[in-house]
Amino acid sequence: MNETRITVHGNVVSEPVERRARNGSPYTTFRIATTPYRRTADGRFVDGETSFYNVIAFNALAANAGTALRKGHPVIVEGKLAIKQYVGNDGQPRTSPEIDADHIGHDLSWGRASFERVSRAAALGHDRTADPDVQAAVRALAEGGSLEQRPAHVDADGVVDDDYDLQDDASDEASSEGAGILATGDPETDDYEVVDRLSA
């Protein structure tokens, strides 16, 4: 497959905008500007002509870029270059270079940045550990709390039971004098009976 790859050092010149594709996955767009410079015969540096690029990122990269980047940030963008054609507001045909980004990062030659590792699920908003009940349970366990302090639908490892229905549990408690029933048992905390193994 013939594709032109490009690495651009520049500044973000528009606030990143995060949108959703038809399938629900995120994508983020923004513009960057880069100005080359050269040294003249007398030793001075002079700026060349500024080039502008539209940048598009998808999925976890899009979510992280939308959170981390702001207008004015110095960045390095690497990805596939394409020349997009469109019709301007004046009805004239125009072209615009666009980078389908594979990697985006801050240019640390201009400042400092901190890194926070985020799972792909968390970046895309599918991380069950972000549930406030789960976070409270993990904090309680870390502070030496007992297993009884965690929600009924969270096991000892902080994994949420997707089949558990809080409304059903509430109605069970009301009908059985406060004895809640789990939709699926937890062998670490529930009473259970050992039965003989069934032969095949």
Protein backbone atom coordinates (compact mmCIF):
# COMPACT_ATOMS: atom_id res chain seq x y z
CA MET A 1 0.00 0.00 0.00
CA ASN A 2 1.44 3.37 -1.01
CA GLU A 3 1.09 5.94 1.72
CA THR A 4 3.07 9.01 2.67
CA ARG A 5 4.10 9.13 6.30
CA ILE A 6 5.02 12.41 7.95
CA THR A 7 6.30 13.72 11.27
CA VAL A 8 5.50 17.34 12.05
CA HIS A 9 6.75 19.51 14.91
CA GLY A 10 4.46 22.47 15.50
CA ASN A 11 1.93 24.21 17.70
CA VAL A 12 -1.73 23.42 18.20
CA VAL A 13 -3.62 26.40 16.73
CA SER A 14 -7.21 25.30 17.39
CA GLU A 15 -8.79 23.73 20.44
CA PRO A 16 -9.11 19.96 19.94
CA VAL A 17 -12.70 18.91 19.29
CA GLU A 18 -13.82 15.40 20.23
CA ARG A 19 -16.73 13.87 18.33
CA ARG A 20 -18.34 10.46 17.95
CA ALA A 21 -18.39 8.41 14.77
CA ARG A 22 -21.53 6.58 13.66
CA ASN A 23 -20.33 3.42 15.41
CA GLY A 24 -19.86 5.36 18.66
CA SER A 25 -16.06 5.42 18.66
CA PRO A 26 -14.42 8.79 19.42
CA TYR A 27 -12.34 10.86 17.05
CA THR A 28 -10.60 14.16 17.73
CA THR A 29 -9.64 16.88 15.28
CA PHE A 30 -7.40 19.94 15.60
CA ARG A 31 -5.01 22.06 13.53
CA ILE A 32 -1.30 22.51 13.93
CA ALA A 33 1.03 25.09 12.43
CA THR A 34 4.72 24.61 11.77
CA THR A 35 7.21 27.29 10.77
CA PRO A 36 10.64 26.22 9.53
CA TYR A 37 13.63 28.46 10.09
CA ARG A 38 17.04 28.76 8.52
CA ARG A 39 20.29 30.52 9.26
CA THR A 40 21.38 33.31 6.96
CA ALA A 41 24.93 33.97 5.83
CA ASP A 42 25.42 36.53 8.61
CA GLY A 43 24.38 34.00 11.28
CA ARG A 44 20.82 35.22 11.91
CA PHE A 45 17.85 32.88 12.01
CA VAL A 46 14.85 33.78 9.86
CA ASP A 47 11.43 32.15 9.73
CA GLY A 48 10.18 30.48 6.61
CA GLU A 49 6.59 30.19 5.45
CA THR A 50 4.16 28.67 7.97
CA SER A 51 2.34 25.47 6.97
CA PHE A 52 -0.94 24.34 8.49
CA TYR A 53 -2.14 20.74 8.88
CA ASN A 54 -5.45 19.32 9.98
CA VAL A 55 -4.95 16.40 12.36
CA ILE A 56 -7.41 13.59 13.04
CA ALA A 57 -7.00 10.88 15.67
CA PHE A 58 -9.21 7.90 16.45
CA ASN A 59 -10.18 5.75 19.44
CA ALA A 60 -7.94 5.85 22.55
CA LEU A 61 -5.48 8.26 20.92
CA ALA A 62 -8.39 10.59 20.17
CA ALA A 63 -9.71 10.46 23.74
CA ASN A 64 -6.26 11.05 25.25
CA ALA A 65 -5.43 13.87 22.81
CA GLY A 66 -8.73 15.58 23.53
CA THR A 67 -7.93 15.51 27.24
CA ALA A 68 -4.21 16.40 27.10
CA LEU A 69 -3.91 18.98 24.30
CA ARG A 70 -4.84 22.66 24.31
CA LYS A 71 -4.44 25.50 21.86
CA GLY A 72 -0.85 26.75 21.93
CA HIS A 73 0.76 23.49 23.06
CA PRO A 74 3.91 22.46 21.18
CA VAL A 75 3.40 18.97 19.75
CA ILE A 76 4.95 16.30 17.58
CA VAL A 77 2.50 14.45 15.34
CA GLU A 78 3.33 11.35 13.30
CA GLY A 79 0.99 9.65 10.88
CA LYS A 80 -0.27 9.27 7.33
CA LEU A 81 -0.48 12.37 5.15
CA ALA A 82 -3.41 12.89 2.79
CA ILE A 83 -4.42 15.87 0.68
CA LYS A 84 -8.14 16.51 1.06
CA GLN A 85 -10.09 18.43 -1.55
CA TYR A 86 -13.14 20.50 -0.66
CA VAL A 87 -15.17 23.48 -1.84
CA GLY A 88 -14.72 26.68 0.19
CA ASN A 89 -17.44 29.06 1.31
CA ASP A 90 -16.72 31.14 -1.80
CA GLY A 91 -17.48 28.14 -4.03
CA GLN A 92 -13.84 27.72 -5.07
CA PRO A 93 -12.13 24.30 -4.90
CA ARG A 94 -9.46 24.07 -2.25
CA THR A 95 -7.02 21.53 -0.87
CA SER A 96 -5.96 20.91 2.69
CA PRO A 97 -3.27 18.57 4.07
CA GLU A 98 -4.55 16.20 6.76
CA ILE A 99 -2.59 13.90 9.04
CA ASP A 100 -4.27 10.69 10.17
CA ALA A 101 -2.29 10.51 13.41
CA ASP A 102 -0.76 7.33 14.79
CA HIS A 103 1.27 9.11 17.49
CA ILE A 104 0.87 12.48 19.20
CA GLY A 105 3.00 13.91 21.98
CA HIS A 106 4.11 17.14 23.58
CA ASP A 107 7.40 18.58 22.30
CA LEU A 108 9.47 18.60 25.51
CA SER A 109 12.12 20.88 24.03
CA TRP A 110 9.70 23.74 24.82
CA GLY A 111 8.47 22.76 28.27
CA ARG A 112 7.56 20.02 30.71
CA ALA A 113 4.70 17.56 30.70
CA SER A 114 3.61 14.80 33.04
CA PHE A 115 2.50 11.36 31.94
CA GLU A 116 -0.46 9.47 33.33
CA ARG A 117 -0.93 5.90 32.16
CA VAL A 118 -4.56 5.25 31.25
CA SER A 119 -5.93 1.94 30.07
CA ARG A 120 -7.57 1.83 26.66
CA ALA A 121 -10.90 0.99 28.33
CA ALA A 122 -10.61 3.98 30.66
CA ALA A 123 -9.75 6.33 27.79
CA LEU A 124 -12.80 5.15 25.87
CA GLY A 125 -15.07 5.38 28.92
CA HIS A 126 -15.59 1.61 29.32
CA ASP A 127 -13.62 1.12 32.53
CA ARG A 128 -15.77 -0.48 35.24
CA THR A 129 -13.23 0.45 37.91
CA ALA A 130 -14.29 4.08 37.35
CA ASP A 131 -17.63 3.22 39.01
CA PRO A 132 -17.88 5.26 42.27
CA ASP A 133 -19.06 2.17 44.21
CA VAL A 134 -16.02 0.20 43.07
CA GLN A 135 -13.63 3.03 43.92
CA ALA A 136 -15.18 3.40 47.38
CA ALA A 137 -14.87 -0.35 47.95
CA VAL A 138 -11.22 -0.40 46.89
CA ARG A 139 -10.46 2.57 49.16
CA ALA A 140 -12.20 0.83 52.07
CA LEU A 141 -10.18 -2.34 51.53
CA ALA A 142 -6.93 -0.36 51.21
CA GLU A 143 -7.67 1.36 54.53
CA GLY A 144 -8.09 -2.00 56.26
CA GLY A 145 -11.84 -2.20 55.96
CA SER A 146 -13.67 -5.50 55.97
CA LEU A 147 -15.06 -7.24 52.90
CA GLU A 148 -18.58 -6.56 54.16
CA GLN A 149 -18.11 -2.85 53.40
CA ARG A 150 -17.98 -3.41 49.66
CA PRO A 151 -21.14 -3.39 47.52
CA ALA A 152 -22.82 -6.74 46.96
CA HIS A 153 -22.21 -6.59 43.21
CA VAL A 154 -18.41 -6.12 43.59
CA ASP A 155 -16.19 -9.08 44.38
CA ALA A 156 -13.07 -8.97 46.57
CA ASP A 157 -10.91 -8.07 43.56
CA GLY A 158 -13.06 -5.06 42.69
CA VAL A 159 -14.70 -6.77 39.69
CA VAL A 160 -18.28 -5.67 39.07
CA ASP A 161 -20.89 -8.36 38.45
CA ASP A 162 -22.63 -7.23 35.25
CA ASP A 163 -25.62 -9.53 35.86
CA TYR A 164 -26.39 -8.06 39.27
CA ASP A 165 -29.51 -5.87 39.52
CA LEU A 166 -29.57 -3.41 42.44
CA GLN A 167 -33.35 -3.00 42.19
CA ASP A 168 -33.92 -6.75 42.47
CA ASP A 169 -31.63 -6.84 45.49
CA ALA A 170 -33.53 -3.99 47.15
CA SER A 171 -36.85 -5.77 46.66
CA ASP A 172 -35.36 -9.03 47.99
CA GLU A 173 -34.16 -7.21 51.11
CA ALA A 174 -37.60 -5.77 51.70
CA SER A 175 -39.30 -9.15 51.31
CA SER A 176 -36.80 -11.18 53.35
CA GLU A 177 -36.25 -8.91 56.36
CA GLY A 178 -32.96 -7.39 55.18
CA ALA A 179 -31.34 -10.53 53.79
CA GLY A 180 -30.06 -9.52 50.35
CA ILE A 181 -29.57 -12.19 47.73
CA LEU A 182 -26.77 -12.04 45.17
CA ALA A 183 -27.63 -12.79 41.59
CA THR A 184 -24.41 -14.84 41.42
CA GLY A 185 -22.72 -16.28 44.49
CA ASP A 186 -19.38 -15.21 45.88
CA PRO A 187 -17.45 -18.23 47.22
CA GLU A 188 -15.32 -15.98 49.44
CA THR A 189 -18.22 -14.57 51.44
CA ASP A 190 -21.30 -16.73 50.82
CA ASP A 191 -22.24 -19.90 52.70
CA TYR A 192 -22.14 -22.90 50.43
CA GLU A 193 -22.58 -26.64 50.64
CA VAL A 194 -20.10 -29.14 49.23
CA VAL A 195 -21.81 -31.82 47.15
CA ASP A 196 -20.43 -35.08 45.77
CA ARG A 197 -18.94 -34.84 42.30
CA LEU A 198 -21.25 -36.07 39.60
CA SER A 199 -19.91 -38.87 37.45
CA ALA A 200 -19.90 -38.42 33.70
